[in-house]
């Protein structure tokens, strides 16, 4: 294990969950075929400028989707859309999830540190099973701040009662890595090009 690292904070989407390939979410490719909803309509209606209110826990995701559905001509409920979306988006990466399991044998503390609201956070914990694999799941929806906001990282290290220099972030966002490093964390920028280097970086 890397010197000084006492806890590893794993990003979820794009790291533990291989649902982002080539900059695109895999689930989005079959949305129109499966639900009859054009991807462009869904993206513009859901992932608009107000979506950060959802990610930071200030607006409930179900309410956000219901509001959009009220303006559309789709026969689906918000619950049905979330059930489809979360299941299609559950694409756990054998590489990184395998490293989590190997690291559990070393006793090092591991957490998930993700920009997700509370419905998907609960899915990640219970349905995807990460509450049994890591010590804790930290999410922007519960913290009230999203990466790369310094308050997100400060909340994680404070909750773990560890100084920043004991923390390692593994994330696919260079902005998140830069923000964590500026606070004293160590960081590994996880990409398609660097994914095969992660095990050696961790000393495994």
N, C-alpha and C. Protein backbone atom coordinates (compact mmCIF):
# COMPACT_ATOMS: atom_id res chain seq x y z
N UNK A 1 0.84 -1.20 0.00
CA UNK A 1 0.00 0.00 0.00
C UNK A 1 0.87 1.25 0.00
N UNK A 2 0.37 2.31 -0.61
CA UNK A 2 1.13 3.55 -0.69
C UNK A 2 1.40 4.13 0.70
N UNK A 3 2.56 4.71 0.83
CA UNK A 3 2.98 5.30 2.09
C UNK A 3 1.99 6.38 2.52
N UNK A 4 1.64 6.39 3.79
CA UNK A 4 0.76 7.37 4.43
C UNK A 4 -0.73 7.18 4.16
N UNK A 5 -1.08 6.36 3.19
CA UNK A 5 -2.51 6.20 2.88
C UNK A 5 -3.19 5.38 3.97
N UNK A 6 -4.18 5.98 4.60
CA UNK A 6 -4.96 5.30 5.63
C UNK A 6 -6.37 4.96 5.14
N UNK A 7 -6.83 5.72 4.13
CA UNK A 7 -8.18 5.48 3.60
C UNK A 7 -8.22 5.83 2.12
N UNK A 8 -8.94 5.01 1.37
CA UNK A 8 -9.12 5.24 -0.06
C UNK A 8 -10.57 5.63 -0.32
N UNK A 9 -10.75 6.74 -1.02
CA UNK A 9 -12.08 7.20 -1.43
C UNK A 9 -12.24 6.91 -2.92
N UNK A 10 -13.12 5.98 -3.23
CA UNK A 10 -13.36 5.58 -4.61
C UNK A 10 -14.52 6.38 -5.21
N UNK A 11 -14.28 7.00 -6.34
CA UNK A 11 -15.40 7.54 -7.11
C UNK A 11 -16.23 6.36 -7.61
N UNK A 12 -17.51 6.59 -7.88
CA UNK A 12 -18.35 5.48 -8.32
C UNK A 12 -18.48 5.44 -9.85
N UNK A 13 -19.25 6.35 -10.42
CA UNK A 13 -19.47 6.32 -11.87
C UNK A 13 -18.18 6.62 -12.63
N UNK A 14 -17.82 5.68 -13.49
CA UNK A 14 -16.59 5.82 -14.26
C UNK A 14 -15.38 5.19 -13.60
N UNK A 15 -15.54 4.73 -12.35
CA UNK A 15 -14.42 4.08 -11.64
C UNK A 15 -14.86 2.71 -11.14
N UNK A 16 -15.64 2.66 -10.07
CA UNK A 16 -16.16 1.36 -9.61
C UNK A 16 -17.24 0.84 -10.54
N UNK A 17 -17.91 1.75 -11.19
CA UNK A 17 -19.00 1.41 -12.10
C UNK A 17 -18.60 1.83 -13.50
N UNK A 18 -18.43 0.85 -14.40
CA UNK A 18 -17.94 1.17 -15.74
C UNK A 18 -19.11 1.51 -16.68
N UNK A 19 -19.80 2.56 -16.32
CA UNK A 19 -20.97 2.97 -17.08
C UNK A 19 -20.70 4.17 -17.98
N UNK A 20 -19.47 4.64 -17.97
CA UNK A 20 -19.09 5.76 -18.82
C UNK A 20 -17.95 5.31 -19.71
N UNK A 21 -18.22 5.17 -21.00
CA UNK A 21 -17.20 4.74 -21.96
C UNK A 21 -17.19 5.72 -23.12
N UNK A 22 -16.02 6.25 -23.42
CA UNK A 22 -15.92 7.22 -24.49
C UNK A 22 -16.68 8.50 -24.20
N UNK A 23 -16.81 8.82 -22.90
CA UNK A 23 -17.52 10.03 -22.51
C UNK A 23 -19.02 9.92 -22.53
N UNK A 24 -19.57 8.73 -22.80
CA UNK A 24 -21.01 8.54 -22.87
C UNK A 24 -21.48 7.52 -21.84
N UNK A 25 -22.67 7.76 -21.29
CA UNK A 25 -23.25 6.80 -20.37
C UNK A 25 -23.84 5.65 -21.18
N UNK A 26 -23.45 4.43 -20.84
CA UNK A 26 -23.86 3.25 -21.58
C UNK A 26 -25.38 3.10 -21.59
N UNK A 27 -26.04 3.40 -20.46
CA UNK A 27 -27.49 3.20 -20.36
C UNK A 27 -28.25 4.04 -21.38
N UNK A 28 -27.67 5.17 -21.78
CA UNK A 28 -28.39 6.09 -22.65
C UNK A 28 -28.58 5.57 -24.07
N UNK A 29 -27.78 4.57 -24.45
CA UNK A 29 -27.81 4.09 -25.82
C UNK A 29 -29.12 3.41 -26.20
N UNK A 30 -29.83 2.83 -25.22
CA UNK A 30 -31.06 2.10 -25.53
C UNK A 30 -32.31 2.75 -24.93
N UNK A 31 -32.18 3.98 -24.44
CA UNK A 31 -33.30 4.66 -23.79
C UNK A 31 -34.51 4.79 -24.71
N UNK A 32 -34.29 5.27 -25.92
CA UNK A 32 -35.42 5.47 -26.82
C UNK A 32 -36.02 4.15 -27.27
N UNK A 33 -35.18 3.17 -27.54
CA UNK A 33 -35.66 1.85 -27.95
C UNK A 33 -36.48 1.19 -26.84
N UNK A 34 -36.04 1.32 -25.61
CA UNK A 34 -36.70 0.64 -24.49
C UNK A 34 -37.92 1.39 -23.96
N UNK A 35 -37.81 2.72 -23.86
CA UNK A 35 -38.89 3.49 -23.23
C UNK A 35 -39.61 4.44 -24.18
N UNK A 36 -39.09 4.57 -25.38
CA UNK A 36 -39.72 5.49 -26.33
C UNK A 36 -39.45 6.95 -26.02
N UNK A 37 -38.42 7.21 -25.23
CA UNK A 37 -38.06 8.58 -24.87
C UNK A 37 -36.80 8.98 -25.63
N UNK A 38 -36.87 9.96 -26.51
CA UNK A 38 -35.67 10.41 -27.22
C UNK A 38 -34.60 10.89 -26.23
N UNK A 39 -33.38 10.44 -26.44
CA UNK A 39 -32.30 10.78 -25.51
C UNK A 39 -32.13 12.29 -25.39
N UNK A 40 -32.24 12.99 -26.49
CA UNK A 40 -32.06 14.45 -26.46
C UNK A 40 -33.11 15.10 -25.54
N UNK A 41 -34.35 14.62 -25.61
CA UNK A 41 -35.40 15.17 -24.75
C UNK A 41 -35.10 14.90 -23.28
N UNK A 42 -34.65 13.68 -22.99
CA UNK A 42 -34.36 13.31 -21.61
C UNK A 42 -33.18 14.11 -21.07
N UNK A 43 -32.14 14.24 -21.86
CA UNK A 43 -30.96 14.98 -21.41
C UNK A 43 -31.30 16.44 -21.14
N UNK A 44 -32.03 17.05 -22.06
CA UNK A 44 -32.37 18.47 -21.90
C UNK A 44 -33.36 18.69 -20.76
N UNK A 45 -34.25 17.72 -20.54
CA UNK A 45 -35.25 17.87 -19.50
C UNK A 45 -34.76 17.54 -18.11
N UNK A 46 -33.85 16.56 -18.01
CA UNK A 46 -33.38 16.10 -16.70
C UNK A 46 -32.02 16.70 -16.34
N UNK A 47 -31.06 16.60 -17.26
CA UNK A 47 -29.70 17.06 -16.96
C UNK A 47 -29.51 18.51 -17.39
N UNK A 48 -30.38 19.36 -16.93
CA UNK A 48 -30.30 20.78 -17.27
C UNK A 48 -29.60 21.55 -16.16
N UNK A 49 -29.72 22.87 -16.23
CA UNK A 49 -28.96 23.70 -15.27
C UNK A 49 -29.44 23.53 -13.83
N UNK A 50 -30.65 22.98 -13.66
CA UNK A 50 -31.16 22.79 -12.29
C UNK A 50 -30.76 21.44 -11.70
N UNK A 51 -30.10 20.59 -12.49
CA UNK A 51 -29.78 19.25 -12.00
C UNK A 51 -28.79 19.27 -10.85
N UNK A 52 -27.97 20.32 -10.76
CA UNK A 52 -27.04 20.40 -9.63
C UNK A 52 -27.78 20.51 -8.32
N UNK A 53 -29.00 21.06 -8.35
CA UNK A 53 -29.83 21.11 -7.15
C UNK A 53 -30.20 19.70 -6.70
N UNK A 54 -30.37 18.81 -7.67
CA UNK A 54 -30.66 17.40 -7.37
C UNK A 54 -29.42 16.73 -6.80
N UNK A 55 -28.30 16.89 -7.47
CA UNK A 55 -27.04 16.25 -7.06
C UNK A 55 -26.64 16.67 -5.65
N UNK A 56 -26.91 17.91 -5.30
CA UNK A 56 -26.51 18.41 -3.98
C UNK A 56 -27.59 18.19 -2.92
N UNK A 57 -28.67 17.48 -3.30
CA UNK A 57 -29.68 17.11 -2.32
C UNK A 57 -30.71 18.18 -2.01
N UNK A 58 -30.73 19.25 -2.78
CA UNK A 58 -31.67 20.34 -2.51
C UNK A 58 -33.02 20.12 -3.21
N UNK A 59 -33.04 19.30 -4.25
CA UNK A 59 -34.26 18.95 -4.96
C UNK A 59 -34.31 17.43 -5.08
N UNK A 60 -35.46 16.84 -4.80
CA UNK A 60 -35.59 15.38 -4.88
C UNK A 60 -35.63 14.94 -6.34
N UNK A 61 -34.89 13.90 -6.66
CA UNK A 61 -34.82 13.42 -8.05
C UNK A 61 -36.18 13.00 -8.58
N UNK A 62 -36.97 12.32 -7.76
CA UNK A 62 -38.29 11.89 -8.22
C UNK A 62 -39.16 13.09 -8.57
N UNK A 63 -39.12 14.13 -7.75
CA UNK A 63 -39.90 15.34 -8.03
C UNK A 63 -39.40 15.99 -9.31
N UNK A 64 -38.10 16.00 -9.50
CA UNK A 64 -37.49 16.59 -10.69
C UNK A 64 -37.98 15.86 -11.94
N UNK A 65 -38.03 14.53 -11.89
CA UNK A 65 -38.50 13.74 -13.04
C UNK A 65 -40.00 13.91 -13.23
N UNK A 66 -40.76 13.93 -12.13
CA UNK A 66 -42.21 14.13 -12.22
C UNK A 66 -42.55 15.46 -12.89
N UNK A 67 -41.81 16.50 -12.51
CA UNK A 67 -42.05 17.82 -13.09
C UNK A 67 -41.82 17.78 -14.60
N UNK A 68 -40.78 17.07 -15.00
CA UNK A 68 -40.50 16.95 -16.44
C UNK A 68 -41.57 16.12 -17.14
N UNK A 69 -41.98 15.02 -16.53
CA UNK A 69 -43.00 14.16 -17.13
C UNK A 69 -44.33 14.89 -17.32
N UNK A 70 -44.63 15.80 -16.42
CA UNK A 70 -45.88 16.56 -16.54
C UNK A 70 -45.90 17.43 -17.79
N UNK A 71 -44.73 17.72 -18.31
CA UNK A 71 -44.64 18.55 -19.52
C UNK A 71 -44.45 17.72 -20.78
N UNK A 72 -44.43 16.38 -20.62
CA UNK A 72 -44.18 15.49 -21.74
C UNK A 72 -45.39 14.59 -22.01
N UNK A 73 -45.31 13.87 -23.11
CA UNK A 73 -46.37 12.93 -23.46
C UNK A 73 -45.82 11.51 -23.39
N UNK A 74 -45.35 11.12 -22.20
CA UNK A 74 -44.80 9.78 -22.00
C UNK A 74 -45.63 9.06 -20.94
N UNK A 75 -45.91 7.80 -21.11
CA UNK A 75 -46.80 7.07 -20.20
C UNK A 75 -46.11 6.53 -18.95
N UNK A 76 -44.87 6.93 -18.71
CA UNK A 76 -44.09 6.35 -17.62
C UNK A 76 -44.22 7.15 -16.33
N UNK A 77 -44.02 6.48 -15.20
CA UNK A 77 -43.95 7.16 -13.91
C UNK A 77 -42.50 7.44 -13.57
N UNK A 78 -42.30 8.34 -12.62
CA UNK A 78 -40.93 8.63 -12.17
C UNK A 78 -40.29 7.38 -11.58
N UNK A 79 -41.06 6.59 -10.84
CA UNK A 79 -40.52 5.36 -10.25
C UNK A 79 -40.07 4.38 -11.32
N UNK A 80 -40.86 4.25 -12.39
CA UNK A 80 -40.51 3.32 -13.47
C UNK A 80 -39.24 3.77 -14.18
N UNK A 81 -39.11 5.05 -14.38
CA UNK A 81 -37.90 5.56 -15.04
C UNK A 81 -36.67 5.34 -14.17
N UNK A 82 -36.80 5.58 -12.86
CA UNK A 82 -35.66 5.37 -11.97
C UNK A 82 -35.27 3.90 -11.90
N UNK A 83 -36.26 3.02 -11.85
CA UNK A 83 -35.99 1.58 -11.81
C UNK A 83 -35.21 1.16 -13.06
N UNK A 84 -35.65 1.62 -14.22
CA UNK A 84 -34.97 1.31 -15.48
C UNK A 84 -33.57 1.89 -15.49
N UNK A 85 -33.46 3.16 -15.17
CA UNK A 85 -32.20 3.89 -15.22
C UNK A 85 -31.16 3.26 -14.30
N UNK A 86 -31.51 3.03 -13.05
CA UNK A 86 -30.55 2.50 -12.09
C UNK A 86 -30.09 1.10 -12.46
N UNK A 87 -31.02 0.26 -12.92
CA UNK A 87 -30.65 -1.11 -13.31
C UNK A 87 -29.74 -1.12 -14.53
N UNK A 88 -30.08 -0.29 -15.52
CA UNK A 88 -29.26 -0.23 -16.74
C UNK A 88 -27.88 0.35 -16.45
N UNK A 89 -27.81 1.17 -15.41
CA UNK A 89 -26.57 1.87 -15.08
C UNK A 89 -25.70 1.09 -14.11
N UNK A 90 -26.13 -0.10 -13.72
CA UNK A 90 -25.39 -0.92 -12.76
C UNK A 90 -24.44 -1.83 -13.52
N UNK A 91 -23.24 -1.31 -13.82
CA UNK A 91 -22.26 -2.00 -14.65
C UNK A 91 -20.92 -2.02 -13.92
N UNK A 92 -20.87 -2.74 -12.83
CA UNK A 92 -19.70 -2.74 -11.97
C UNK A 92 -18.45 -3.23 -12.70
N UNK A 93 -17.37 -2.52 -12.49
CA UNK A 93 -16.11 -2.79 -13.18
C UNK A 93 -15.36 -3.92 -12.46
N UNK A 94 -15.15 -5.05 -13.12
CA UNK A 94 -14.44 -6.16 -12.47
C UNK A 94 -13.04 -5.77 -11.99
N UNK A 95 -12.36 -4.88 -12.71
CA UNK A 95 -11.01 -4.49 -12.33
C UNK A 95 -11.01 -3.76 -10.98
N UNK A 96 -11.74 -2.67 -10.90
CA UNK A 96 -11.70 -1.87 -9.68
C UNK A 96 -12.42 -2.56 -8.52
N UNK A 97 -13.51 -3.23 -8.81
CA UNK A 97 -14.21 -3.95 -7.73
C UNK A 97 -13.35 -5.09 -7.20
N UNK A 98 -12.56 -5.69 -8.10
CA UNK A 98 -11.62 -6.72 -7.67
C UNK A 98 -10.53 -6.16 -6.76
N UNK A 99 -10.09 -4.93 -7.06
CA UNK A 99 -9.09 -4.28 -6.21
C UNK A 99 -9.66 -3.94 -4.84
N UNK A 100 -10.93 -3.55 -4.81
CA UNK A 100 -11.59 -3.29 -3.53
C UNK A 100 -11.56 -4.54 -2.66
N UNK A 101 -11.86 -5.68 -3.27
CA UNK A 101 -11.87 -6.94 -2.52
C UNK A 101 -10.47 -7.30 -2.03
N UNK A 102 -9.46 -7.09 -2.86
CA UNK A 102 -8.09 -7.39 -2.45
C UNK A 102 -7.65 -6.47 -1.32
N UNK A 103 -8.04 -5.22 -1.38
CA UNK A 103 -7.66 -4.26 -0.35
C UNK A 103 -8.36 -4.53 0.98
N UNK A 104 -9.54 -5.13 0.91
CA UNK A 104 -10.24 -5.48 2.16
C UNK A 104 -9.40 -6.43 3.01
N UNK A 105 -8.60 -7.25 2.37
CA UNK A 105 -7.76 -8.20 3.09
C UNK A 105 -6.62 -7.50 3.82
N UNK A 106 -6.29 -6.26 3.41
CA UNK A 106 -5.20 -5.52 4.04
C UNK A 106 -5.67 -4.73 5.25
N UNK A 107 -6.98 -4.55 5.37
CA UNK A 107 -7.52 -3.81 6.50
C UNK A 107 -7.59 -2.32 6.29
N UNK A 108 -7.16 -1.82 5.13
CA UNK A 108 -7.23 -0.38 4.88
C UNK A 108 -8.68 0.06 4.77
N UNK A 109 -8.98 1.24 5.24
CA UNK A 109 -10.35 1.76 5.15
C UNK A 109 -10.65 2.18 3.72
N UNK A 110 -11.85 1.84 3.26
CA UNK A 110 -12.29 2.20 1.92
C UNK A 110 -13.71 2.76 1.98
N UNK A 111 -13.91 3.83 1.21
CA UNK A 111 -15.24 4.43 1.12
C UNK A 111 -15.53 4.75 -0.34
N UNK A 112 -16.81 4.90 -0.64
CA UNK A 112 -17.23 5.45 -1.92
C UNK A 112 -17.46 6.94 -1.72
N UNK A 113 -16.97 7.75 -2.65
CA UNK A 113 -17.15 9.21 -2.60
C UNK A 113 -17.70 9.64 -3.95
N UNK A 114 -19.03 9.86 -4.02
CA UNK A 114 -19.69 10.01 -5.31
C UNK A 114 -20.61 11.22 -5.38
N UNK A 115 -20.71 11.79 -6.56
CA UNK A 115 -21.70 12.83 -6.83
C UNK A 115 -22.99 12.14 -7.26
N UNK A 116 -23.81 11.78 -6.29
CA UNK A 116 -25.11 11.17 -6.55
C UNK A 116 -26.10 11.63 -5.49
N UNK A 117 -27.39 11.68 -5.89
CA UNK A 117 -28.43 12.06 -4.92
C UNK A 117 -28.83 10.82 -4.11
N UNK A 118 -29.76 10.99 -3.17
CA UNK A 118 -29.94 9.93 -2.17
C UNK A 118 -30.63 8.69 -2.71
N UNK A 119 -31.49 8.79 -3.74
CA UNK A 119 -32.15 7.59 -4.28
C UNK A 119 -31.10 6.65 -4.89
N UNK A 120 -30.22 7.20 -5.70
CA UNK A 120 -29.21 6.35 -6.32
C UNK A 120 -28.17 5.92 -5.30
N UNK A 121 -27.87 6.76 -4.34
CA UNK A 121 -26.94 6.37 -3.28
C UNK A 121 -27.46 5.14 -2.55
N UNK A 122 -28.74 5.13 -2.25
CA UNK A 122 -29.35 3.97 -1.59
C UNK A 122 -29.28 2.74 -2.48
N UNK A 123 -29.48 2.92 -3.78
CA UNK A 123 -29.37 1.81 -4.73
C UNK A 123 -27.94 1.25 -4.72
N UNK A 124 -26.96 2.14 -4.74
CA UNK A 124 -25.55 1.73 -4.73
C UNK A 124 -25.24 0.92 -3.47
N UNK A 125 -25.77 1.36 -2.35
CA UNK A 125 -25.53 0.67 -1.09
C UNK A 125 -26.22 -0.68 -1.04
N UNK A 126 -27.51 -0.70 -1.33
CA UNK A 126 -28.31 -1.90 -1.10
C UNK A 126 -28.34 -2.85 -2.29
N UNK A 127 -28.73 -2.36 -3.44
CA UNK A 127 -28.89 -3.23 -4.61
C UNK A 127 -27.55 -3.59 -5.22
N UNK A 128 -26.68 -2.61 -5.39
CA UNK A 128 -25.35 -2.89 -5.93
C UNK A 128 -24.44 -3.54 -4.89
N UNK A 129 -24.81 -3.43 -3.62
CA UNK A 129 -24.11 -4.17 -2.57
C UNK A 129 -22.89 -3.51 -1.98
N UNK A 130 -22.70 -2.21 -2.19
CA UNK A 130 -21.46 -1.60 -1.73
C UNK A 130 -21.45 -1.30 -0.23
N UNK A 131 -22.59 -1.33 0.42
CA UNK A 131 -22.58 -1.15 1.87
C UNK A 131 -21.87 -2.31 2.56
N UNK A 132 -21.78 -3.46 1.87
CA UNK A 132 -21.09 -4.63 2.41
C UNK A 132 -19.63 -4.70 1.98
N UNK A 133 -19.23 -3.84 1.06
CA UNK A 133 -17.87 -3.91 0.52
C UNK A 133 -16.96 -2.81 1.03
N UNK A 134 -17.56 -1.67 1.37
CA UNK A 134 -16.75 -0.54 1.85
C UNK A 134 -17.26 -0.11 3.22
N UNK A 135 -16.48 0.73 3.87
CA UNK A 135 -16.84 1.18 5.22
C UNK A 135 -18.03 2.13 5.21
N UNK A 136 -18.14 2.92 4.14
CA UNK A 136 -19.20 3.92 4.10
C UNK A 136 -19.35 4.45 2.67
N UNK A 137 -20.54 4.90 2.33
CA UNK A 137 -20.79 5.55 1.05
C UNK A 137 -21.10 7.02 1.32
N UNK A 138 -20.22 7.89 0.84
CA UNK A 138 -20.43 9.34 0.95
C UNK A 138 -20.97 9.84 -0.39
N UNK A 139 -22.03 10.63 -0.34
CA UNK A 139 -22.59 11.15 -1.59
C UNK A 139 -22.91 12.63 -1.44
N UNK A 140 -22.88 13.32 -2.57
CA UNK A 140 -23.15 14.76 -2.58
C UNK A 140 -24.56 15.07 -2.09
N UNK A 141 -25.52 14.17 -2.42
CA UNK A 141 -26.89 14.40 -2.01
C UNK A 141 -27.07 14.40 -0.50
N UNK A 142 -26.26 13.63 0.19
CA UNK A 142 -26.34 13.57 1.65
C UNK A 142 -25.47 14.64 2.30
N UNK A 143 -24.34 14.94 1.68
CA UNK A 143 -23.41 15.93 2.24
C UNK A 143 -23.92 17.35 2.02
N UNK A 144 -24.57 17.56 0.86
CA UNK A 144 -25.04 18.90 0.53
C UNK A 144 -24.06 19.68 -0.32
N UNK A 145 -22.96 19.05 -0.67
CA UNK A 145 -21.94 19.65 -1.53
C UNK A 145 -21.44 18.58 -2.49
N UNK A 146 -21.10 18.98 -3.71
CA UNK A 146 -20.63 18.03 -4.72
C UNK A 146 -19.16 18.28 -5.05
N UNK A 147 -18.47 17.21 -5.38
CA UNK A 147 -17.10 17.37 -5.90
C UNK A 147 -17.17 18.26 -7.14
N UNK A 148 -16.22 19.13 -7.35
CA UNK A 148 -14.95 19.31 -6.63
C UNK A 148 -14.97 20.34 -5.50
N UNK A 149 -16.14 20.64 -4.94
CA UNK A 149 -16.23 21.57 -3.83
C UNK A 149 -15.38 21.06 -2.65
N UNK A 150 -14.58 21.94 -2.10
CA UNK A 150 -13.71 21.55 -0.98
C UNK A 150 -14.50 21.00 0.19
N UNK A 151 -15.73 21.50 0.37
CA UNK A 151 -16.55 21.05 1.50
C UNK A 151 -16.86 19.56 1.43
N UNK A 152 -16.95 19.03 0.21
CA UNK A 152 -17.20 17.59 0.06
C UNK A 152 -16.03 16.80 0.65
N UNK A 153 -14.82 17.14 0.24
CA UNK A 153 -13.64 16.41 0.69
C UNK A 153 -13.40 16.60 2.18
N UNK A 154 -13.64 17.81 2.67
CA UNK A 154 -13.46 18.08 4.09
C UNK A 154 -14.44 17.26 4.93
N UNK A 155 -15.66 17.09 4.42
CA UNK A 155 -16.65 16.28 5.13
C UNK A 155 -16.19 14.83 5.23
N UNK A 156 -15.65 14.31 4.14
CA UNK A 156 -15.21 12.91 4.13
C UNK A 156 -14.08 12.68 5.13
N UNK A 157 -13.04 13.50 5.05
CA UNK A 157 -11.89 13.28 5.94
C UNK A 157 -12.25 13.54 7.40
N UNK A 158 -13.10 14.53 7.65
CA UNK A 158 -13.52 14.82 9.02
C UNK A 158 -14.36 13.66 9.57
N UNK A 159 -15.26 13.13 8.74
CA UNK A 159 -16.11 12.02 9.18
C UNK A 159 -15.28 10.78 9.51
N UNK A 160 -14.18 10.59 8.78
CA UNK A 160 -13.31 9.45 9.02
C UNK A 160 -12.27 9.73 10.11
N UNK A 161 -12.26 10.99 10.59
CA UNK A 161 -11.31 11.42 11.61
C UNK A 161 -9.87 11.19 11.15
N UNK A 162 -9.63 11.58 9.91
CA UNK A 162 -8.30 11.45 9.33
C UNK A 162 -7.85 12.78 8.73
N UNK A 163 -6.57 13.11 8.83
CA UNK A 163 -6.07 14.31 8.17
C UNK A 163 -6.03 14.12 6.66
N UNK A 164 -6.09 15.19 5.89
CA UNK A 164 -6.10 15.07 4.42
C UNK A 164 -4.95 14.26 3.86
N UNK A 165 -3.78 14.36 4.47
CA UNK A 165 -2.61 13.67 3.93
C UNK A 165 -2.71 12.15 4.06
N UNK A 166 -3.69 11.66 4.81
CA UNK A 166 -3.90 10.21 4.93
C UNK A 166 -4.90 9.68 3.91
N UNK A 167 -5.48 10.59 3.11
CA UNK A 167 -6.55 10.23 2.19
C UNK A 167 -6.05 10.09 0.75
N UNK A 168 -6.61 9.11 0.04
CA UNK A 168 -6.33 8.92 -1.39
C UNK A 168 -7.66 8.90 -2.14
N UNK A 169 -7.76 9.76 -3.16
CA UNK A 169 -8.94 9.78 -4.03
C UNK A 169 -8.61 9.10 -5.35
N UNK A 170 -9.47 8.18 -5.77
CA UNK A 170 -9.38 7.57 -7.09
C UNK A 170 -10.61 8.02 -7.86
N UNK A 171 -10.40 8.82 -8.90
CA UNK A 171 -11.52 9.49 -9.57
C UNK A 171 -11.20 9.65 -11.05
N UNK A 172 -12.26 9.65 -11.88
CA UNK A 172 -12.05 9.82 -13.32
C UNK A 172 -12.13 11.27 -13.75
N UNK A 173 -12.33 12.18 -12.80
CA UNK A 173 -12.39 13.61 -13.11
C UNK A 173 -11.10 14.30 -12.69
N UNK A 174 -10.42 14.92 -13.65
CA UNK A 174 -9.18 15.63 -13.33
C UNK A 174 -9.45 16.81 -12.39
N UNK A 175 -10.62 17.44 -12.53
CA UNK A 175 -10.97 18.56 -11.65
C UNK A 175 -11.12 18.10 -10.21
N UNK A 176 -11.71 16.92 -10.03
CA UNK A 176 -11.87 16.38 -8.67
C UNK A 176 -10.52 16.03 -8.06
N UNK A 177 -9.66 15.43 -8.87
CA UNK A 177 -8.32 15.08 -8.39
C UNK A 177 -7.56 16.33 -8.00
N UNK A 178 -7.63 17.36 -8.84
CA UNK A 178 -6.91 18.60 -8.55
C UNK A 178 -7.43 19.25 -7.27
N UNK A 179 -8.75 19.22 -7.07
CA UNK A 179 -9.33 19.81 -5.87
C UNK A 179 -8.88 19.06 -4.63
N UNK A 180 -8.90 17.72 -4.70
CA UNK A 180 -8.48 16.92 -3.55
C UNK A 180 -7.00 17.17 -3.23
N UNK A 181 -6.16 17.20 -4.25
CA UNK A 181 -4.73 17.43 -4.04
C UNK A 181 -4.47 18.80 -3.44
N UNK A 182 -5.27 19.79 -3.82
CA UNK A 182 -5.08 21.14 -3.29
C UNK A 182 -5.35 21.20 -1.79
N UNK A 183 -6.09 20.21 -1.28
CA UNK A 183 -6.40 20.13 0.14
C UNK A 183 -5.44 19.21 0.90
N UNK A 184 -4.50 18.60 0.16
CA UNK A 184 -3.51 17.75 0.80
C UNK A 184 -3.71 16.27 0.59
N UNK A 185 -4.79 15.89 -0.12
CA UNK A 185 -5.02 14.48 -0.42
C UNK A 185 -4.04 13.99 -1.48
N UNK A 186 -3.85 12.69 -1.53
CA UNK A 186 -3.19 12.04 -2.66
C UNK A 186 -4.29 11.74 -3.68
N UNK A 187 -3.89 11.54 -4.94
CA UNK A 187 -4.91 11.28 -5.95
C UNK A 187 -4.40 10.44 -7.09
N UNK A 188 -5.32 9.66 -7.68
CA UNK A 188 -5.03 8.88 -8.87
C UNK A 188 -6.12 9.18 -9.89
N UNK A 189 -5.73 9.74 -11.04
CA UNK A 189 -6.69 10.05 -12.09
C UNK A 189 -6.93 8.80 -12.92
N UNK A 190 -8.11 8.23 -12.75
CA UNK A 190 -8.47 6.95 -13.37
C UNK A 190 -9.09 7.20 -14.74
N UNK A 191 -8.43 6.68 -15.79
CA UNK A 191 -8.92 6.82 -17.16
C UNK A 191 -8.75 5.49 -17.88
N UNK A 192 -9.22 5.42 -19.11
CA UNK A 192 -9.01 4.22 -19.91
C UNK A 192 -7.52 3.97 -20.12
N UNK A 193 -6.74 5.03 -20.15
CA UNK A 193 -5.30 4.90 -20.35
C UNK A 193 -4.56 4.51 -19.08
N UNK A 194 -5.06 4.89 -17.91
CA UNK A 194 -4.33 4.63 -16.67
C UNK A 194 -4.89 3.47 -15.85
N UNK A 195 -6.03 2.90 -16.26
CA UNK A 195 -6.70 1.88 -15.45
C UNK A 195 -5.80 0.68 -15.16
N UNK A 196 -4.95 0.31 -16.11
CA UNK A 196 -4.09 -0.85 -15.91
C UNK A 196 -2.91 -0.54 -14.97
N UNK A 197 -2.72 0.73 -14.64
CA UNK A 197 -1.63 1.12 -13.76
C UNK A 197 -2.07 1.20 -12.29
N UNK A 198 -3.37 1.08 -12.04
CA UNK A 198 -3.88 1.34 -10.69
C UNK A 198 -3.38 0.33 -9.67
N UNK A 199 -3.35 -0.95 -10.03
CA UNK A 199 -2.92 -1.97 -9.08
C UNK A 199 -1.49 -1.72 -8.59
N UNK A 200 -0.60 -1.41 -9.52
CA UNK A 200 0.79 -1.15 -9.12
C UNK A 200 0.89 0.15 -8.33
N UNK A 201 0.07 1.14 -8.69
CA UNK A 201 0.06 2.41 -7.94
C UNK A 201 -0.31 2.15 -6.48
N UNK A 202 -1.26 1.21 -6.28
CA UNK A 202 -1.70 0.87 -4.93
C UNK A 202 -0.77 -0.09 -4.21
N UNK A 203 0.22 -0.61 -4.95
CA UNK A 203 1.15 -1.56 -4.36
C UNK A 203 0.64 -2.96 -4.26
N UNK A 204 -0.29 -3.30 -5.17
CA UNK A 204 -0.88 -4.65 -5.17
C UNK A 204 -0.27 -5.51 -6.26
